[in-house]
Amino acid sequence: QTLVFAEKARAIGCLVGVENFTIDD
């Protein structure tokens, strides 16, 4: 679902980020 959302968001010129990022996961 995230991949679909990211594709749709980018299609309208928005950016996508990940918060609470940890290296292990």
PDB file of all heavy atoms in Angstrom:
ATOM      1  N   GLN A   1       0.832  -1.207   0.000  1.00  0.00           N
ATOM      2  CA  GLN A   1       0.000   0.000   0.000  1.00  0.00           C
ATOM      3  C   GLN A   1       0.868   1.259   0.000  1.00  0.00           C
ATOM      4  O   GLN A   1       0.527   2.255  -0.628  1.00  0.00           O
ATOM      5  CB  GLN A   1      -0.945   0.024   1.220  1.00  0.00           C
ATOM      6  CG  GLN A   1      -2.010  -1.032   1.171  1.00  0.00           C
ATOM      7  CD  GLN A   1      -1.608  -2.291   1.948  1.00  0.00           C
ATOM      8  OE1 GLN A   1      -0.438  -2.623   2.083  1.00  0.00           O
ATOM      9  NE2 GLN A   1      -2.592  -3.005   2.454  1.00  0.00           N
ATOM     10  N   THR A   2       1.995   1.198   0.712  1.00  0.00           N
ATOM     11  CA  THR A   2       2.908   2.337   0.753  1.00  0.00           C
ATOM     12  C   THR A   2       3.464   2.635  -0.633  1.00  0.00           C
ATOM     13  O   THR A   2       3.553   3.797  -1.042  1.00  0.00           O
ATOM     14  CB  THR A   2       4.061   2.068   1.737  1.00  0.00           C
ATOM     15  OG1 THR A   2       3.522   1.871   3.043  1.00  0.00           O
ATOM     16  CG2 THR A   2       5.040   3.229   1.759  1.00  0.00           C
ATOM     17  N   LEU A   3       3.827   1.591  -1.363  1.00  0.00           N
ATOM     18  CA  LEU A   3       4.368   1.785  -2.709  1.00  0.00           C
ATOM     19  C   LEU A   3       3.331   2.419  -3.635  1.00  0.00           C
ATOM     20  O   LEU A   3       3.656   3.309  -4.424  1.00  0.00           O
ATOM     21  CB  LEU A   3       4.860   0.460  -3.282  1.00  0.00           C
ATOM     22  CG  LEU A   3       6.066  -0.163  -2.566  1.00  0.00           C
ATOM     23  CD1 LEU A   3       6.354  -1.562  -3.115  1.00  0.00           C
ATOM     24  CD2 LEU A   3       7.272   0.728  -2.658  1.00  0.00           C
ATOM     25  N   VAL A   4       2.081   1.984  -3.525  1.00  0.00           N
ATOM     26  CA  VAL A   4       1.007   2.574  -4.333  1.00  0.00           C
ATOM     27  C   VAL A   4       0.798   4.033  -3.937  1.00  0.00           C
ATOM     28  O   VAL A   4       0.689   4.910  -4.790  1.00  0.00           O
ATOM     29  CB  VAL A   4      -0.306   1.764  -4.171  1.00  0.00           C
ATOM     30  CG1 VAL A   4      -1.483   2.492  -4.811  1.00  0.00           C
ATOM     31  CG2 VAL A   4      -0.141   0.364  -4.755  1.00  0.00           C
ATOM     32  N   PHE A   5       0.756   4.288  -2.623  1.00  0.00           N
ATOM     33  CA  PHE A   5       0.573   5.650  -2.142  1.00  0.00           C
ATOM     34  C   PHE A   5       1.704   6.563  -2.625  1.00  0.00           C
ATOM     35  O   PHE A   5       1.461   7.678  -3.092  1.00  0.00           O
ATOM     36  CB  PHE A   5       0.505   5.676  -0.608  1.00  0.00           C
ATOM     37  CG  PHE A   5       0.415   7.066  -0.054  1.00  0.00           C
ATOM     38  CD1 PHE A   5      -0.786   7.753  -0.054  1.00  0.00           C
ATOM     39  CD2 PHE A   5       1.546   7.701   0.439  1.00  0.00           C
ATOM     40  CE1 PHE A   5      -0.865   9.050   0.428  1.00  0.00           C
ATOM     41  CE2 PHE A   5       1.479   8.990   0.929  1.00  0.00           C
ATOM     42  CZ  PHE A   5       0.269   9.664   0.932  1.00  0.00           C
ATOM     43  N   ALA A   6       2.951   6.087  -2.504  1.00  0.00           N
ATOM     44  CA  ALA A   6       4.103   6.886  -2.926  1.00  0.00           C
ATOM     45  C   ALA A   6       4.029   7.214  -4.417  1.00  0.00           C
ATOM     46  O   ALA A   6       4.314   8.338  -4.831  1.00  0.00           O
ATOM     47  CB  ALA A   6       5.400   6.156  -2.603  1.00  0.00           C
ATOM     48  N   GLU A   7       3.637   6.248  -5.218  1.00  0.00           N
ATOM     49  CA  GLU A   7       3.512   6.474  -6.660  1.00  0.00           C
ATOM     50  C   GLU A   7       2.462   7.540  -6.957  1.00  0.00           C
ATOM     51  O   GLU A   7       2.684   8.444  -7.772  1.00  0.00           O
ATOM     52  CB  GLU A   7       3.133   5.160  -7.352  1.00  0.00           C
ATOM     53  CG  GLU A   7       3.012   5.268  -8.847  1.00  0.00           C
ATOM     54  CD  GLU A   7       2.590   3.935  -9.486  1.00  0.00           C
ATOM     55  OE1 GLU A   7       2.838   2.871  -8.910  1.00  0.00           O
ATOM     56  OE2 GLU A   7       1.999   4.011 -10.581  1.00  0.00           O
ATOM     57  N   LYS A   8       1.314   7.453  -6.285  1.00  0.00           N
ATOM     58  CA  LYS A   8       0.234   8.433  -6.490  1.00  0.00           C
ATOM     59  C   LYS A   8       0.653   9.826  -5.992  1.00  0.00           C
ATOM     60  O   LYS A   8       0.363  10.825  -6.646  1.00  0.00           O
ATOM     61  CB  LYS A   8      -1.042   7.991  -5.773  1.00  0.00           C
ATOM     62  CG  LYS A   8      -1.560   6.644  -6.182  1.00  0.00           C
ATOM     63  CD  LYS A   8      -2.324   6.712  -7.448  1.00  0.00           C
ATOM     64  CE  LYS A   8      -2.923   5.330  -7.726  1.00  0.00           C
ATOM     65  NZ  LYS A   8      -3.329   5.154  -9.072  1.00  0.00           N
ATOM     66  N   ALA A   9       1.314   9.872  -4.841  1.00  0.00           N
ATOM     67  CA  ALA A   9       1.750  11.166  -4.287  1.00  0.00           C
ATOM     68  C   ALA A   9       2.759  11.836  -5.217  1.00  0.00           C
ATOM     69  O   ALA A   9       2.672  13.039  -5.486  1.00  0.00           O
ATOM     70  CB  ALA A   9       2.341  10.967  -2.898  1.00  0.00           C
ATOM     71  N   ARG A  10       3.690  11.052  -5.715  1.00  0.00           N
ATOM     72  CA  ARG A  10       4.700  11.612  -6.616  1.00  0.00           C
ATOM     73  C   ARG A  10       4.102  12.035  -7.959  1.00  0.00           C
ATOM     74  O   ARG A  10       4.590  12.975  -8.586  1.00  0.00           O
ATOM     75  CB  ARG A  10       5.834  10.617  -6.807  1.00  0.00           C
ATOM     76  CG  ARG A  10       6.689  10.502  -5.553  1.00  0.00           C
ATOM     77  CD  ARG A  10       7.803   9.517  -5.708  1.00  0.00           C
ATOM     78  NE  ARG A  10       8.658   9.538  -4.530  1.00  0.00           N
ATOM     79  CZ  ARG A  10       9.162   8.460  -3.966  1.00  0.00           C
ATOM     80  NH1 ARG A  10       8.919   7.258  -4.479  1.00  0.00           N
ATOM     81  NH2 ARG A  10       9.926   8.563  -2.904  1.00  0.00           N
ATOM     82  N   ALA A  11       3.045  11.352  -8.375  1.00  0.00           N
ATOM     83  CA  ALA A  11       2.385  11.694  -9.640  1.00  0.00           C
ATOM     84  C   ALA A  11       1.794  13.104  -9.597  1.00  0.00           C
ATOM     85  O   ALA A  11       1.679  13.748 -10.641  1.00  0.00           O
ATOM     86  CB  ALA A  11       1.302  10.671  -9.972  1.00  0.00           C
ATOM     87  N   ILE A  12       1.427  13.574  -8.415  1.00  0.00           N
ATOM     88  CA  ILE A  12       0.887  14.929  -8.295  1.00  0.00           C
ATOM     89  C   ILE A  12       1.930  15.907  -7.735  1.00  0.00           C
ATOM     90  O   ILE A  12       1.599  16.988  -7.256  1.00  0.00           O
ATOM     91  CB  ILE A  12      -0.405  14.974  -7.463  1.00  0.00           C
ATOM     92  CG1 ILE A  12      -0.176  14.459  -6.051  1.00  0.00           C
ATOM     93  CG2 ILE A  12      -1.522  14.218  -8.159  1.00  0.00           C
ATOM     94  CD1 ILE A  12      -1.331  14.722  -5.093  1.00  0.00           C
ATOM     95  N   GLY A  13       3.198  15.494  -7.765  1.00  0.00           N
ATOM     96  CA  GLY A  13       4.275  16.405  -7.385  1.00  0.00           C
ATOM     97  C   GLY A  13       4.577  16.490  -5.909  1.00  0.00           C
ATOM     98  O   GLY A  13       5.245  17.426  -5.474  1.00  0.00           O
ATOM     99  N   CYS A  14       4.094  15.540  -5.126  1.00  0.00           N
ATOM    100  CA  CYS A  14       4.388  15.530  -3.693  1.00  0.00           C
ATOM    101  C   CYS A  14       5.566  14.599  -3.413  1.00  0.00           C
ATOM    102  O   CYS A  14       5.905  13.753  -4.232  1.00  0.00           O
ATOM    103  CB  CYS A  14       3.166  15.073  -2.907  1.00  0.00           C
ATOM    104  SG  CYS A  14       1.750  16.164  -3.104  1.00  0.00           S
ATOM    105  N   LEU A  15       6.170  14.760  -2.272  1.00  0.00           N
ATOM    106  CA  LEU A  15       7.298  13.929  -1.868  1.00  0.00           C
ATOM    107  C   LEU A  15       6.874  12.992  -0.746  1.00  0.00           C
ATOM    108  O   LEU A  15       5.869  13.222  -0.078  1.00  0.00           O
ATOM    109  CB  LEU A  15       8.460  14.806  -1.416  1.00  0.00           C
ATOM    110  CG  LEU A  15       8.958  15.839  -2.434  1.00  0.00           C
ATOM    111  CD1 LEU A  15      10.050  16.713  -1.826  1.00  0.00           C
ATOM    112  CD2 LEU A  15       9.447  15.166  -3.696  1.00  0.00           C
ATOM    113  N   VAL A  16       7.679  11.949  -0.537  1.00  0.00           N
ATOM    114  CA  VAL A  16       7.379  10.951   0.482  1.00  0.00           C
ATOM    115  C   VAL A  16       8.604  10.761   1.358  1.00  0.00           C
ATOM    116  O   VAL A  16       9.729  10.681   0.865  1.00  0.00           O
ATOM    117  CB  VAL A  16       6.991   9.602  -0.174  1.00  0.00           C
ATOM    118  CG1 VAL A  16       6.745   8.535   0.881  1.00  0.00           C
ATOM    119  CG2 VAL A  16       5.771   9.768  -1.057  1.00  0.00           C
ATOM    120  N   GLY A  17       8.367  10.692   2.658  1.00  0.00           N
ATOM    121  CA  GLY A  17       9.450  10.455   3.596  1.00  0.00           C
ATOM    122  C   GLY A  17       9.077   9.387   4.592  1.00  0.00           C
ATOM    123  O   GLY A  17       7.905   9.013   4.723  1.00  0.00           O
ATOM    124  N   VAL A  18      10.073   8.900   5.300  1.00  0.00           N
ATOM    125  CA  VAL A  18       9.866   7.904   6.346  1.00  0.00           C
ATOM    126  C   VAL A  18      10.369   8.510   7.647  1.00  0.00           C
ATOM    127  O   VAL A  18      11.502   8.988   7.723  1.00  0.00           O
ATOM    128  CB  VAL A  18      10.634   6.597   6.037  1.00  0.00           C
ATOM    129  CG1 VAL A  18      10.488   5.610   7.179  1.00  0.00           C
ATOM    130  CG2 VAL A  18      10.142   5.988   4.733  1.00  0.00           C
ATOM    131  N   GLU A  19       9.506   8.500   8.660  1.00  0.00           N
ATOM    132  CA  GLU A  19       9.910   9.013   9.965  1.00  0.00           C
ATOM    133  C   GLU A  19      10.073   7.864  10.949  1.00  0.00           C
ATOM    134  O   GLU A  19       9.659   6.743  10.672  1.00  0.00           O
ATOM    135  CB  GLU A  19       8.926  10.053  10.495  1.00  0.00           C
ATOM    136  CG  GLU A  19       7.542   9.551  10.788  1.00  0.00           C
ATOM    137  CD  GLU A  19       6.638  10.649  11.320  1.00  0.00           C
ATOM    138  OE1 GLU A  19       7.141  11.661  11.852  1.00  0.00           O
ATOM    139  OE2 GLU A  19       5.433  10.494  11.206  1.00  0.00           O
ATOM    140  N   ASN A  20      10.699   8.165  12.070  1.00  0.00           N
ATOM    141  CA  ASN A  20      11.052   7.147  13.068  1.00  0.00           C
ATOM    142  C   ASN A  20      11.933   6.085  12.449  1.00  0.00           C
ATOM    143  O   ASN A  20      11.810   4.895  12.744  1.00  0.00           O
ATOM    144  CB  ASN A  20       9.812   6.524  13.714  1.00  0.00           C
ATOM    145  CG  ASN A  20       9.020   7.520  14.518  1.00  0.00           C
ATOM    146  OD1 ASN A  20       9.587   8.419  15.132  1.00  0.00           O
ATOM    147  ND2 ASN A  20       7.716   7.381  14.505  1.00  0.00           N
ATOM    148  N   PHE A  21      12.838   6.513  11.575  1.00  0.00           N
ATOM    149  CA  PHE A  21      13.693   5.602  10.832  1.00  0.00           C
ATOM    150  C   PHE A  21      14.759   5.000  11.736  1.00  0.00           C
ATOM    151  O   PHE A  21      15.445   5.707  12.463  1.00  0.00           O
ATOM    152  CB  PHE A  21      14.370   6.346   9.675  1.00  0.00           C
ATOM    153  CG  PHE A  21      15.269   5.477   8.857  1.00  0.00           C
ATOM    154  CD1 PHE A  21      14.753   4.689   7.845  1.00  0.00           C
ATOM    155  CD2 PHE A  21      16.628   5.431   9.111  1.00  0.00           C
ATOM    156  CE1 PHE A  21      15.577   3.873   7.090  1.00  0.00           C
ATOM    157  CE2 PHE A  21      17.463   4.624   8.366  1.00  0.00           C
ATOM    158  CZ  PHE A  21      16.939   3.842   7.362  1.00  0.00           C
ATOM    159  N   THR A  22      14.877   3.679  11.675  1.00  0.00           N
ATOM    160  CA  THR A  22      15.953   2.964  12.341  1.00  0.00           C
ATOM    161  C   THR A  22      16.673   2.128  11.300  1.00  0.00           C
ATOM    162  O   THR A  22      16.057   1.625  10.359  1.00  0.00           O
ATOM    163  CB  THR A  22      15.434   2.054  13.470  1.00  0.00           C
ATOM    164  OG1 THR A  22      14.518   1.116  12.922  1.00  0.00           O
ATOM    165  CG2 THR A  22      14.755   2.854  14.570  1.00  0.00           C
ATOM    166  N   ILE A  23      17.947   1.981  11.466  1.00  0.00           N
ATOM    167  CA  ILE A  23      18.751   1.267  10.475  1.00  0.00           C
ATOM    168  C   ILE A  23      18.406  -0.214  10.432  1.00  0.00           C
ATOM    169  O   ILE A  23      18.309  -0.803   9.361  1.00  0.00           O
ATOM    170  CB  ILE A  23      20.251   1.474  10.758  1.00  0.00           C
ATOM    171  CG1 ILE A  23      20.612   2.943  10.536  1.00  0.00           C
ATOM    172  CG2 ILE A  23      21.103   0.579   9.868  1.00  0.00           C
ATOM    173  CD1 ILE A  23      22.011   3.311  10.944  1.00  0.00           C
ATOM    174  N   ASP A  24      18.177  -0.833  11.571  1.00  0.00           N
ATOM    175  CA  ASP A  24      17.961  -2.279  11.637  1.00  0.00           C
ATOM    176  C   ASP A  24      16.779  -2.759  10.814  1.00  0.00           C
ATOM    177  O   ASP A  24      16.836  -3.819  10.198  1.00  0.00           O
ATOM    178  CB  ASP A  24      17.768  -2.725  13.091  1.00  0.00           C
ATOM    179  CG  ASP A  24      19.013  -2.477  13.937  1.00  0.00           C
ATOM    180  OD1 ASP A  24      20.102  -2.358  13.360  1.00  0.00           O
ATOM    181  OD2 ASP A  24      18.878  -2.402  15.164  1.00  0.00           O
ATOM    182  N   ASP A  25      15.688  -2.001  10.815  1.00  0.00           N
ATOM    183  CA  ASP A  25      14.462  -2.442  10.142  1.00  0.00           C
ATOM    184  C   ASP A  25      14.326  -1.935   8.724  1.00  0.00           C
ATOM    185  O   ASP A  25      13.332  -2.193   8.066  1.00  0.00           O
ATOM    186  CB  ASP A  25      13.236  -1.977  10.945  1.00  0.00           C
ATOM    187  CG  ASP A  25      13.179  -2.605  12.324  1.00  0.00           C
ATOM    188  OD1 ASP A  25      13.659  -3.746  12.459  1.00  0.00           O
ATOM    189  OD2 ASP A  25      12.672  -1.963  13.249  1.00  0.00           O
TER     190      ASP A  25
END
